[in-house]
C-alpha atoms as a PDB file:
ATOM      1  CA  MET A   1      37.390 -21.662 -14.704  1.00  0.00           C
ATOM      2  CA  LEU A   2      38.022 -19.915 -11.390  1.00  0.00           C
ATOM      3  CA  ALA A   3      34.817 -21.221  -9.805  1.00  0.00           C
ATOM      4  CA  VAL A   4      35.574 -24.860 -10.649  1.00  0.00           C
ATOM      5  CA  ALA A   5      39.234 -24.483  -9.595  1.00  0.00           C
ATOM      6  CA  ILE A   6      38.179 -23.148  -6.172  1.00  0.00           C
ATOM      7  CA  TRP A   7      35.600 -25.942  -5.877  1.00  0.00           C
ATOM      8  CA  VAL A   8      38.064 -28.783  -6.508  1.00  0.00           C
ATOM      9  CA  ILE A   9      40.828 -27.198  -4.401  1.00  0.00           C
ATOM     10  CA  ALA A  10      38.341 -27.208  -1.504  1.00  0.00           C
ATOM     11  CA  GLY A  11      38.180 -30.989  -1.884  1.00  0.00           C
ATOM     12  CA  ARG A  12      34.910 -31.216  -3.800  1.00  0.00           C
ATOM     13  CA  LYS A  13      34.487 -33.521  -6.757  1.00  0.00           C
ATOM     14  CA  ALA A  14      34.083 -32.065 -10.238  1.00  0.00           C
ATOM     15  CA  GLU A  15      34.510 -34.060 -13.411  1.00  0.00           C
ATOM     16  CA  LEU A  16      33.566 -33.436 -17.010  1.00  0.00           C
ATOM     17  CA  PRO A  17      33.302 -36.352 -19.442  1.00  0.00           C
ATOM     18  CA  ASN A  18      35.832 -36.177 -22.264  1.00  0.00           C
ATOM     19  CA  PRO A  19      33.157 -36.288 -25.003  1.00  0.00           C
ATOM     20  CA  LEU A  20      31.528 -33.165 -23.536  1.00  0.00           C
ATOM     21  CA  SER A  21      34.866 -31.319 -23.371  1.00  0.00           C
ATOM     22  CA  ASN A  22      35.699 -32.375 -26.922  1.00  0.00           C
ATOM     23  CA  LEU A  23      32.300 -31.182 -28.159  1.00  0.00           C
ATOM     24  CA  SER A  24      32.908 -27.812 -26.519  1.00  0.00           C
ATOM     25  CA  PHE A  25      36.278 -27.516 -28.278  1.00  0.00           C
ATOM     26  CA  ILE A  26      34.678 -28.433 -31.627  1.00  0.00           C
ATOM     27  CA  ALA A  27      31.901 -25.868 -31.171  1.00  0.00           C
ATOM     28  CA  THR A  28      34.306 -23.163 -29.987  1.00  0.00           C
ATOM     29  CA  GLY A  29      36.701 -23.715 -32.895  1.00  0.00           C
ATOM     30  CA  SER A  30      33.852 -23.752 -35.399  1.00  0.00           C
ATOM     31  CA  LEU A  31      32.220 -20.589 -34.060  1.00  0.00           C
ATOM     32  CA  LEU A  32      35.523 -18.717 -33.869  1.00  0.00           C
ATOM     33  CA  GLY A  33      36.331 -19.778 -37.428  1.00  0.00           C
ATOM     34  CA  ALA A  34      33.115 -18.076 -38.487  1.00  0.00           C
ATOM     35  CA  GLY A  35      34.737 -14.771 -37.534  1.00  0.00           C
ATOM     36  CA  ILE A  36      37.486 -15.226 -40.135  1.00  0.00           C
ATOM     37  CA  ASP A  37      36.844 -13.567 -43.493  1.00  0.00           C
ATOM     38  CA  ARG A  38      38.842 -12.082 -46.357  1.00  0.00           C
ATOM     39  CA  ASN A  39      39.741  -9.041 -44.236  1.00  0.00           C
ATOM     40  CA  SER A  40      41.258 -11.298 -41.571  1.00  0.00           C
ATOM     41  CA  LEU A  41      43.963 -12.409 -44.004  1.00  0.00           C
ATOM     42  CA  SER A  42      44.958  -8.908 -45.109  1.00  0.00           C
ATOM     43  CA  SER A  43      47.897  -8.855 -42.666  1.00  0.00           C
ATOM     44  CA  ILE A  44      49.550 -12.054 -44.009  1.00  0.00           C
ATOM     45  CA  PRO A  45      52.268 -10.057 -45.864  1.00  0.00           C
ATOM     46  CA  ASP A  46      53.390  -8.762 -42.442  1.00  0.00           C
ATOM     47  CA  TRP A  47      53.732 -12.254 -40.946  1.00  0.00           C
ATOM     48  CA  PRO A  48      57.420 -12.871 -41.827  1.00  0.00           C
ATOM     49  CA  VAL A  49      58.491  -9.935 -39.651  1.00  0.00           C
ATOM     50  CA  SER A  50      56.247 -10.857 -36.740  1.00  0.00           C
ATOM     51  CA  LEU A  51      57.205 -14.544 -36.974  1.00  0.00           C
ATOM     52  CA  ILE A  52      60.910 -13.692 -36.762  1.00  0.00           C
ATOM     53  CA  MET A  53      60.265 -11.573 -33.670  1.00  0.00           C
ATOM     54  CA  LEU A  54      58.085 -14.344 -32.228  1.00  0.00           C
ATOM     55  CA  GLY A  55      60.906 -16.862 -32.728  1.00  0.00           C
ATOM     56  CA  ILE A  56      63.477 -14.651 -30.998  1.00  0.00           C
ATOM     57  CA  SER A  57      61.128 -13.956 -28.075  1.00  0.00           C
ATOM     58  CA  MET A  58      60.385 -17.676 -27.697  1.00  0.00           C
ATOM     59  CA  ILE A  59      64.065 -18.625 -27.498  1.00  0.00           C
ATOM     60  CA  ILE A  60      64.733 -15.950 -24.878  1.00  0.00           C
ATOM     61  CA  LEU A  61      61.594 -16.920 -22.946  1.00  0.00           C
ATOM     62  CA  LEU A  62      62.561 -20.604 -22.826  1.00  0.00           C
ATOM     63  CA  ALA A  63      66.055 -19.777 -21.611  1.00  0.00           C
ATOM     64  CA  LEU A  64      65.140 -17.227 -18.924  1.00  0.00           C
ATOM     65  CA  VAL A  65      62.055 -18.982 -17.546  1.00  0.00           C
ATOM     66  CA  ARG A  66      63.964 -22.267 -17.319  1.00  0.00           C
ATOM     67  CA  LEU A  67      66.791 -20.465 -15.496  1.00  0.00           C
ATOM     68  CA  TYR A  68      64.266 -18.851 -13.127  1.00  0.00           C
ATOM     69  CA  LEU A  69      62.671 -22.198 -12.237  1.00  0.00           C
ATOM     70  CA  ARG A  70      66.061 -23.834 -11.752  1.00  0.00           C
ATOM     71  CA  ARG A  71      67.662 -21.112  -9.621  1.00  0.00           C
ATOM     72  CA  VAL A  72      64.681 -19.799  -7.643  1.00  0.00           C
ATOM     73  CA  HIS A  73      62.467 -22.883  -7.246  1.00  0.00           C
ATOM     74  CA  HIS A  74      65.156 -25.573  -7.617  1.00  0.00           C
ATOM     75  CA  TYR A  75      63.369 -27.655 -10.261  1.00  0.00           C
ATOM     76  CA  ASP A  76      65.271 -30.451 -11.982  1.00  0.00           C
ATOM     77  CA  ARG A  77      66.353 -29.767 -15.573  1.00  0.00           C
ATOM     78  CA  ASN A  78      63.663 -31.680 -17.436  1.00  0.00           C
ATOM     79  CA  THR A  79      60.814 -30.398 -15.275  1.00  0.00           C
ATOM     80  CA  ALA A  80      62.082 -26.808 -15.611  1.00  0.00           C
ATOM     81  CA  ILE A  81      62.281 -27.144 -19.394  1.00  0.00           C
ATOM     82  CA  LEU A  82      58.753 -28.524 -19.697  1.00  0.00           C
ATOM     83  CA  CYS A  83      57.315 -25.951 -17.259  1.00  0.00           C
ATOM     84  CA  SER A  84      58.914 -23.123 -19.251  1.00  0.00           C
ATOM     85  CA  VAL A  85      57.271 -24.076 -22.562  1.00  0.00           C
ATOM     86  CA  PRO A  86      54.800 -21.335 -23.596  1.00  0.00           C
ATOM     87  CA  GLY A  87      51.624 -23.190 -24.497  1.00  0.00           C
ATOM     88  CA  ALA A  88      51.169 -26.718 -25.909  1.00  0.00           C
ATOM     89  CA  MET A  89      49.968 -28.103 -22.556  1.00  0.00           C
ATOM     90  CA  SER A  90      48.804 -31.500 -23.826  1.00  0.00           C
ATOM     91  CA  PHE A  91      52.054 -32.016 -25.730  1.00  0.00           C
ATOM     92  CA  VAL A  92      54.176 -31.015 -22.754  1.00  0.00           C
ATOM     93  CA  VAL A  93      52.301 -33.245 -20.281  1.00  0.00           C
ATOM     94  CA  ALA A  94      52.572 -36.178 -22.697  1.00  0.00           C
ATOM     95  CA  VAL A  95      56.327 -35.655 -23.011  1.00  0.00           C
ATOM     96  CA  ALA A  96      56.691 -35.349 -19.228  1.00  0.00           C
ATOM     97  CA  THR A  97      54.951 -38.705 -18.789  1.00  0.00           C
ATOM     98  CA  GLU A  98      57.153 -40.341 -21.403  1.00  0.00           C
ATOM     99  CA  ILE A  99      60.518 -39.177 -20.011  1.00  0.00           C
ATOM    100  CA  GLY A 100      59.640 -39.600 -16.323  1.00  0.00           C
ATOM    101  CA  ALA A 101      59.630 -35.914 -15.359  1.00  0.00           C
ATOM    102  CA  ASP A 102      57.426 -34.562 -12.559  1.00  0.00           C
ATOM    103  CA  THR A 103      54.214 -34.854 -14.601  1.00  0.00           C
ATOM    104  CA  ARG A 104      51.846 -33.531 -11.929  1.00  0.00           C
ATOM    105  CA  ARG A 105      53.975 -30.471 -11.277  1.00  0.00           C
ATOM    106  CA  VAL A 106      54.289 -29.795 -15.009  1.00  0.00           C
ATOM    107  CA  ALA A 107      50.508 -30.092 -15.467  1.00  0.00           C
ATOM    108  CA  VAL A 108      49.730 -27.767 -12.550  1.00  0.00           C
ATOM    109  CA  ILE A 109      52.359 -25.193 -13.576  1.00  0.00           C
ATOM    110  CA  GLN A 110      51.041 -25.165 -17.128  1.00  0.00           C
ATOM    111  CA  THR A 111      47.453 -24.813 -15.872  1.00  0.00           C
ATOM    112  CA  VAL A 112      48.451 -21.950 -13.549  1.00  0.00           C
ATOM    113  CA  ARG A 113      50.171 -20.280 -16.511  1.00  0.00           C
ATOM    114  CA  LEU A 114      47.059 -20.602 -18.652  1.00  0.00           C
ATOM    115  CA  ALA A 115      44.741 -19.425 -15.868  1.00  0.00           C
ATOM    116  CA  THR A 116      46.986 -16.443 -15.062  1.00  0.00           C
ATOM    117  CA  VAL A 117      47.115 -15.318 -18.681  1.00  0.00           C
ATOM    118  CA  MET A 118      43.358 -15.686 -19.199  1.00  0.00           C
ATOM    119  CA  VAL A 119      42.605 -13.673 -16.053  1.00  0.00           C
ATOM    120  CA  LEU A 120      45.383 -11.082 -16.341  1.00  0.00           C
ATOM    121  CA  ILE A 121      45.000 -10.003 -19.968  1.00  0.00           C
ATOM    122  CA  PRO A 122      41.308  -8.982 -19.679  1.00  0.00           C
ATOM    123  CA  ILE A 123      42.174  -7.067 -16.495  1.00  0.00           C
ATOM    124  CA  VAL A 124      44.987  -5.223 -18.306  1.00  0.00           C
ATOM    125  CA  VAL A 125      42.603  -4.426 -21.153  1.00  0.00           C
ATOM    126  CA  GLY A 126      39.939  -3.197 -18.744  1.00  0.00           C
ATOM    127  CA  TYR A 127      42.171  -0.819 -16.791  1.00  0.00           C
ATOM    128  CA  THR A 128      44.531   0.490 -19.479  1.00  0.00           C
ATOM    129  CA  ASN A 129      44.313   1.945 -22.950  1.00  0.00           C
ATOM    130  CA  VAL A 130      46.661  -0.582 -24.609  1.00  0.00           C
ATOM    131  CA  HIS A 131      43.837  -2.053 -26.678  1.00  0.00           C
ATOM    132  CA  SER A 132      42.159  -0.509 -29.690  1.00  0.00           C
ATOM    133  CA  PRO A 133      39.344  -2.753 -30.974  1.00  0.00           C
ATOM    134  CA  LEU A 134      39.049  -3.535 -34.658  1.00  0.00           C
ATOM    135  CA  PRO A 135      36.943  -1.073 -36.637  1.00  0.00           C
ATOM    136  CA  THR A 136      33.264  -1.903 -36.522  1.00  0.00           C
ATOM    137  CA  ALA A 137      32.427  -4.017 -39.540  1.00  0.00           C
ATOM    138  CA  ILE A 138      29.370  -3.614 -41.725  1.00  0.00           C
ATOM    139  CA  PRO A 139      26.535  -5.441 -39.936  1.00  0.00           C
ATOM    140  CA  LYS A 140      25.885  -8.912 -41.306  1.00  0.00           C
ATOM    141  CA  GLU A 141      22.635 -10.810 -41.410  1.00  0.00           C
ATOM    142  CA  MET A 142      22.433 -13.337 -38.598  1.00  0.00           C
ATOM    143  CA  LEU A 143      22.359 -16.990 -39.580  1.00  0.00           C
ATOM    144  CA  GLY A 144      19.413 -19.116 -38.553  1.00  0.00           C
ATOM    145  CA  TRP A 145      19.673 -22.301 -36.526  1.00  0.00           C
ATOM    146  CA  PRO A 146      19.589 -24.605 -39.605  1.00  0.00           C
ATOM    147  CA  GLU A 147      22.603 -22.782 -41.094  1.00  0.00           C
ATOM    148  CA  ILE A 148      24.428 -22.795 -37.739  1.00  0.00           C
ATOM    149  CA  ALA A 149      23.811 -26.538 -37.390  1.00  0.00           C
ATOM    150  CA  MET A 150      25.154 -27.077 -40.917  1.00  0.00           C
ATOM    151  CA  VAL A 151      28.342 -25.128 -40.138  1.00  0.00           C
ATOM    152  CA  LEU A 152      28.881 -27.132 -36.926  1.00  0.00           C
ATOM    153  CA  ALA A 153      28.297 -30.439 -38.747  1.00  0.00           C
ATOM    154  CA  LEU A 154      30.708 -29.618 -41.575  1.00  0.00           C
ATOM    155  CA  SER A 155      33.282 -28.279 -39.112  1.00  0.00           C
ATOM    156  CA  TYR A 156      33.292 -31.612 -37.273  1.00  0.00           C
ATOM    157  CA  LEU A 157      34.954 -33.095 -40.377  1.00  0.00           C
ATOM    158  CA  GLY A 158      38.022 -31.054 -39.424  1.00  0.00           C
ATOM    159  CA  VAL A 159      38.670 -33.279 -36.388  1.00  0.00           C
ATOM    160  CA  PRO A 160      39.766 -36.438 -38.255  1.00  0.00           C
ATOM    161  CA  LEU A 161      41.533 -34.256 -40.815  1.00  0.00           C
ATOM    162  CA  GLY A 162      43.442 -32.444 -38.075  1.00  0.00           C
ATOM    163  CA  SER A 163      44.339 -35.724 -36.374  1.00  0.00           C
ATOM    164  CA  LEU A 164      45.563 -37.175 -39.670  1.00  0.00           C
ATOM    165  CA  LEU A 165      47.756 -34.142 -40.339  1.00  0.00           C
ATOM    166  CA  ARG A 166      48.882 -34.050 -36.683  1.00  0.00           C
ATOM    167  CA  ILE A 167      48.079 -30.366 -36.289  1.00  0.00           C
ATOM    168  CA  PRO A 168      47.944 -29.013 -32.718  1.00  0.00           C
ATOM    169  CA  ALA A 169      44.651 -29.287 -30.818  1.00  0.00           C
ATOM    170  CA  PRO A 170      42.743 -31.066 -33.640  1.00  0.00           C
ATOM    171  CA  TYR A 171      39.389 -30.815 -31.824  1.00  0.00           C
ATOM    172  CA  PHE A 172      39.776 -27.031 -31.872  1.00  0.00           C
ATOM    173  CA  THR A 173      41.988 -26.219 -34.859  1.00  0.00           C
ATOM    174  CA  GLY A 174      40.384 -28.578 -37.393  1.00  0.00           C
ATOM    175  CA  PRO A 175      36.831 -27.201 -36.990  1.00  0.00           C
ATOM    176  CA  MET A 176      38.160 -23.632 -36.932  1.00  0.00           C
ATOM    177  CA  VAL A 177      39.974 -24.155 -40.254  1.00  0.00           C
ATOM    178  CA  ILE A 178      36.926 -25.755 -41.926  1.00  0.00           C
ATOM    179  CA  SER A 179      34.557 -23.081 -40.610  1.00  0.00           C
ATOM    180  CA  GLY A 180      36.966 -20.295 -41.556  1.00  0.00           C
ATOM    181  CA  ALA A 181      37.230 -21.684 -45.087  1.00  0.00           C
ATOM    182  CA  LEU A 182      33.423 -21.767 -45.431  1.00  0.00           C
ATOM    183  CA  PHE A 183      33.082 -18.094 -44.473  1.00  0.00           C
ATOM    184  CA  MET A 184      36.262 -16.828 -46.134  1.00  0.00           C
ATOM    185  CA  THR A 185      35.294 -18.282 -49.523  1.00  0.00           C
ATOM    186  CA  GLY A 186      31.742 -16.991 -49.281  1.00  0.00           C
ATOM    187  CA  THR A 187      30.237 -20.481 -49.239  1.00  0.00           C
ATOM    188  CA  VAL A 188      28.401 -19.385 -46.095  1.00  0.00           C
ATOM    189  CA  GLU A 189      27.527 -15.719 -45.646  1.00  0.00           C
ATOM    190  CA  GLY A 190      26.251 -14.100 -42.480  1.00  0.00           C
ATOM    191  CA  ALA A 191      27.114 -13.954 -38.794  1.00  0.00           C
ATOM    192  CA  ILE A 192      26.606 -16.347 -35.894  1.00  0.00           C
ATOM    193  CA  PRO A 193      25.053 -14.716 -32.790  1.00  0.00           C
ATOM    194  CA  ALA A 194      27.611 -14.274 -30.014  1.00  0.00           C
ATOM    195  CA  TYR A 195      25.405 -15.956 -27.412  1.00  0.00           C
ATOM    196  CA  VAL A 196      25.783 -19.279 -29.269  1.00  0.00           C
ATOM    197  CA  LEU A 197      29.433 -19.248 -28.170  1.00  0.00           C
ATOM    198  CA  TYR A 198      28.677 -18.896 -24.443  1.00  0.00           C
ATOM    199  CA  PRO A 199      27.862 -22.550 -23.540  1.00  0.00           C
ATOM    200  CA  PRO A 200      31.010 -24.065 -25.117  1.00  0.00           C
ATOM    201  CA  LEU A 201      33.142 -21.310 -23.571  1.00  0.00           C
ATOM    202  CA  ILE A 202      31.718 -22.105 -20.127  1.00  0.00           C
ATOM    203  CA  ILE A 203      32.521 -25.796 -20.608  1.00  0.00           C
ATOM    204  CA  CYS A 204      36.068 -24.971 -21.797  1.00  0.00           C
ATOM    205  CA  GLY A 205      36.652 -22.849 -18.697  1.00  0.00           C
ATOM    206  CA  ALA A 206      35.277 -25.529 -16.399  1.00  0.00           C
ATOM    207  CA  THR A 207      37.516 -28.140 -18.051  1.00  0.00           C
ATOM    208  CA  ILE A 208      40.601 -26.062 -17.240  1.00  0.00           C
ATOM    209  CA  GLY A 209      39.411 -25.627 -13.649  1.00  0.00           C
ATOM    210  CA  THR A 210      39.131 -29.405 -13.081  1.00  0.00           C
ATOM    211  CA  ARG A 211      42.875 -29.801 -13.656  1.00  0.00           C
ATOM    212  CA  PHE A 212      43.522 -28.449 -10.149  1.00  0.00           C
ATOM    213  CA  ALA A 213      41.803 -31.477  -8.574  1.00  0.00           C
ATOM    214  CA  GLY A 214      43.773 -33.666  -6.164  1.00  0.00           C
ATOM    215  CA  SER A 215      46.427 -31.085  -5.304  1.00  0.00           C
ATOM    216  CA  THR A 216      47.353 -30.504  -1.673  1.00  0.00           C
ATOM    217  CA  LYS A 217      47.357 -26.912  -0.503  1.00  0.00           C
ATOM    218  CA  LYS A 218      51.123 -26.946   0.134  1.00  0.00           C
ATOM    219  CA  PHE A 219      51.872 -28.377  -3.305  1.00  0.00           C
ATOM    220  CA  LEU A 220      49.425 -26.019  -4.973  1.00  0.00           C
ATOM    221  CA  ILE A 221      50.830 -22.941  -3.222  1.00  0.00           C
ATOM    222  CA  SER A 222      54.347 -23.936  -4.269  1.00  0.00           C
ATOM    223  CA  CYS A 223      53.289 -24.488  -7.884  1.00  0.00           C
ATOM    224  CA  THR A 224      51.218 -21.303  -7.942  1.00  0.00           C
ATOM    225  CA  LYS A 225      54.187 -19.207  -6.827  1.00  0.00           C
ATOM    226  CA  ALA A 226      56.412 -20.767  -9.462  1.00  0.00           C
ATOM    227  CA  GLY A 227      53.698 -20.609 -12.127  1.00  0.00           C
ATOM    228  CA  ILE A 228      52.804 -16.968 -11.545  1.00  0.00           C
ATOM    229  CA  GLY A 229      56.471 -15.984 -11.460  1.00  0.00           C
ATOM    230  CA  ALA A 230      57.219 -17.872 -14.670  1.00  0.00           C
ATOM    231  CA  THR A 231      54.115 -16.491 -16.371  1.00  0.00           C
ATOM    232  CA  GLY A 232      54.888 -12.922 -15.320  1.00  0.00           C
ATOM    233  CA  LEU A 233      58.410 -13.261 -16.684  1.00  0.00           C
ATOM    234  CA  GLY A 234      57.065 -14.768 -19.908  1.00  0.00           C
ATOM    235  CA  LEU A 235      54.494 -12.001 -20.381  1.00  0.00           C
ATOM    236  CA  ALA A 236      57.155  -9.349 -19.756  1.00  0.00           C
ATOM    237  CA  ILE A 237      59.454 -10.878 -22.384  1.00  0.00           C
ATOM    238  CA  THR A 238      56.705 -11.222 -24.988  1.00  0.00           C
ATOM    239  CA  SER A 239      55.514  -7.669 -24.281  1.00  0.00           C
ATOM    240  CA  LEU A 240      59.004  -6.313 -24.933  1.00  0.00           C
ATOM    241  CA  PHE A 241      58.938  -7.948 -28.366  1.00  0.00           C
ATOM    242  CA  ALA A 242      55.257  -7.406 -29.173  1.00  0.00           C
ATOM    243  CA  TRP A 243      55.361  -3.636 -28.631  1.00  0.00           C
ATOM    244  CA  PRO A 244      58.058  -2.746 -31.221  1.00  0.00           C
ATOM    245  CA  THR A 245      56.656  -5.371 -33.614  1.00  0.00           C
ATOM    246  CA  ALA A 246      53.188  -3.818 -33.449  1.00  0.00           C
ATOM    247  CA  ALA A 247      54.635  -0.331 -33.898  1.00  0.00           C
ATOM    248  CA  PHE A 248      56.789  -1.370 -36.873  1.00  0.00           C
ATOM    249  CA  LEU A 249      53.940  -3.188 -38.642  1.00  0.00           C
ATOM    250  CA  ASP A 250      51.318  -0.613 -37.606  1.00  0.00           C
ATOM    251  CA  LEU A 251      49.175  -3.322 -36.018  1.00  0.00           C
ATOM    252  CA  PRO A 252      47.184  -3.146 -32.751  1.00  0.00           C
ATOM    253  CA  PHE A 253      49.433  -3.992 -29.798  1.00  0.00           C
ATOM    254  CA  MET A 254      46.835  -6.347 -28.298  1.00  0.00           C
ATOM    255  CA  GLN A 255      46.686  -8.353 -31.513  1.00  0.00           C
ATOM    256  CA  VAL A 256      50.452  -8.911 -31.566  1.00  0.00           C
ATOM    257  CA  TRP A 257      50.635  -9.481 -27.800  1.00  0.00           C
ATOM    258  CA  LEU A 258      48.011 -12.232 -27.961  1.00  0.00           C
ATOM    259  CA  ALA A 259      49.892 -13.803 -30.866  1.00  0.00           C
ATOM    260  CA  PHE A 260      53.120 -13.805 -28.806  1.00  0.00           C
ATOM    261  CA  ALA A 261      51.646 -14.443 -25.323  1.00  0.00           C
ATOM    262  CA  PRO A 262      52.434 -17.767 -23.574  1.00  0.00           C
ATOM    263  CA  GLY A 263      48.819 -18.838 -23.335  1.00  0.00           C
ATOM    264  CA  GLY A 264      48.255 -21.574 -25.885  1.00  0.00           C
ATOM    265  CA  LEU A 265      46.322 -21.783 -29.123  1.00  0.00           C
ATOM    266  CA  GLU A 266      42.764 -22.238 -27.871  1.00  0.00           C
ATOM    267  CA  ALA A 267      42.931 -19.708 -25.027  1.00  0.00           C
ATOM    268  CA  MET A 268      44.613 -16.936 -27.024  1.00  0.00           C
ATOM    269  CA  THR A 269      42.304 -17.371 -30.011  1.00  0.00           C
ATOM    270  CA  VAL A 270      39.266 -17.193 -27.722  1.00  0.00           C
ATOM    271  CA  LEU A 271      40.649 -14.030 -26.091  1.00  0.00           C
ATOM    272  CA  ALA A 272      41.344 -12.536 -29.526  1.00  0.00           C
ATOM    273  CA  PHE A 273      37.710 -13.140 -30.478  1.00  0.00           C
ATOM    274  CA  THR A 274      36.222 -11.813 -27.239  1.00  0.00           C
ATOM    275  CA  LEU A 275      38.515  -8.755 -27.222  1.00  0.00           C
ATOM    276  CA  ASP A 276      37.594  -7.919 -30.841  1.00  0.00           C
ATOM    277  CA  THR A 277      41.058  -8.653 -32.210  1.00  0.00           C
ATOM    278  CA  ASP A 278      41.952 -10.546 -35.411  1.00  0.00           C
ATOM    279  CA  PRO A 279      41.677 -14.265 -34.476  1.00  0.00           C
ATOM    280  CA  ALA A 280      43.308 -15.467 -37.720  1.00  0.00           C
ATOM    281  CA  PHE A 281      46.537 -13.572 -36.962  1.00  0.00           C
ATOM    282  CA  VAL A 282      46.640 -14.832 -33.377  1.00  0.00           C
ATOM    283  CA  ALA A 283      45.801 -18.454 -34.233  1.00  0.00           C
ATOM    284  CA  GLY A 284      48.306 -18.552 -37.098  1.00  0.00           C
ATOM    285  CA  HIS A 285      51.188 -17.424 -34.887  1.00  0.00           C
ATOM    286  CA  GLN A 286      50.192 -19.743 -32.044  1.00  0.00           C
ATOM    287  CA  ILE A 287      50.082 -22.742 -34.422  1.00  0.00           C
ATOM    288  CA  ILE A 288      53.493 -21.957 -35.890  1.00  0.00           C
ATOM    289  CA  ARG A 289      54.952 -21.546 -32.390  1.00  0.00           C
ATOM    290  CA  PHE A 290      53.500 -24.923 -31.405  1.00  0.00           C
ATOM    291  CA  LEU A 291      55.193 -26.564 -34.385  1.00  0.00           C
ATOM    292  CA  ALA A 292      58.488 -24.902 -33.460  1.00  0.00           C
ATOM    293  CA  ILE A 293      58.123 -26.053 -29.839  1.00  0.00           C
ATOM    294  CA  SER A 294      57.533 -29.657 -30.956  1.00  0.00           C
ATOM    295  CA  LEU A 295      60.941 -29.546 -32.653  1.00  0.00           C
ATOM    296  CA  ILE A 296      62.882 -27.558 -30.036  1.00  0.00           C
ATOM    297  CA  VAL A 297      61.737 -29.258 -26.812  1.00  0.00           C
ATOM    298  CA  PRO A 298      63.015 -32.787 -27.660  1.00  0.00           C
ATOM    299  CA  PHE A 299      66.370 -31.216 -28.565  1.00  0.00           C
ATOM    300  CA  LEU A 300      66.529 -29.327 -25.257  1.00  0.00           C
ATOM    301  CA  LEU A 301      65.577 -32.450 -23.301  1.00  0.00           C
ATOM    302  CA  GLY A 302      68.289 -34.389 -25.092  1.00  0.00           C
ATOM    303  CA  LYS A 303      70.908 -31.809 -24.108  1.00  0.00           C
ATOM    304  CA  ALA A 304      69.621 -31.742 -20.543  1.00  0.00           C
ATOM    305  CA  LYS A 305      69.846 -35.533 -20.327  1.00  0.00           C
ATOM    306  CA  VAL A 306      73.459 -35.524 -21.477  1.00  0.00           C
ATOM    307  CA  ALA A 307      74.342 -32.741 -19.021  1.00  0.00           C
ATOM    308  CA  GLN A 308      72.610 -34.528 -16.164  1.00  0.00           C
ATOM    309  CA  GLN A 309      74.448 -37.801 -16.880  1.00  0.00           C
ATOM    310  CA  SER A 310      77.761 -35.967 -16.778  1.00  0.00           C
ATOM    311  CA  ASP A 311      76.850 -34.333 -13.446  1.00  0.00           C
ATOM    312  CA  PRO A 312      75.316 -36.984 -11.132  1.00  0.00           C
ATOM    313  CA  ALA A 313      75.157 -34.513  -8.242  1.00  0.00           C
ATOM    314  CA  SER A 314      72.566 -32.500 -10.160  1.00  0.00           C
ATOM    315  CA  SER A 315      70.045 -35.324 -10.186  1.00  0.00           C
ATOM    316  CA  PRO A 316      66.808 -34.436  -8.379  1.00  0.00           C
ATOM    317  CA  PRO A 317      66.211 -35.974  -4.949  1.00  0.00           C
ATOM    318  CA  PRO A 318      63.782 -38.945  -4.795  1.00  0.00           C
END
């Protein structure tokens, strides 16, 4: 991700065809779903408490980050709202295009947020003791390539299913759900070697890096300052809620923090997997937050539009 971002910022060309990116999302979702088993769902009874805390933290995050972008960086209302959304990048960029907000700025801010979270959290884990990995499970027999190919093929069926049900990130979530169901029910037993996950992860990271293409240095510096500031504020808010929630439920702090963190479904689930934290818990909370965002954001934009019409002086300059 960082290598490709630096490459395109330097003015070099880097493009990935959409089919390749989509295949990487399918493979990543499928392989992460293979890490979900019956033990992964043992914390479901605790979800009501953590979901309530997640909802409160999200409301506070949206309000304070939007205020920060408005007061410190002087963003217009709609752009500030869309830049403050924690996750759901594709949804937010699509909405920005539809309502005529500053789409490029929204896309760059959201990408900076995602990049900051994906770089910062592993650094925090590496230099602190806030993370306690899950207990080592009983070793499983590794699946052979025919079984792995079968899991990937069946998981692909989750893409049209996810699109039909309009679940977030269908190329990632659909295969993860299908794969998780195969392993959780015991239909497929065994483990997929970790190295199989490396190629799709590399492609996912490169895809994120290409989103920095075409940005001038001045524009990028401005967006980076705003994005890092907004992300830092968002991480601080979610940390303040994740810590007491983890303590109350007797869950690992890193698990709850990743579930609350403003990083998006795919990125946080990947980090949960690579940091040996329950991916089912993280993915479940990220999906529910996405659904809540899809309901809240149009309402906030509607209020902002009314307020802006009543105050013509607040309209952004051309």
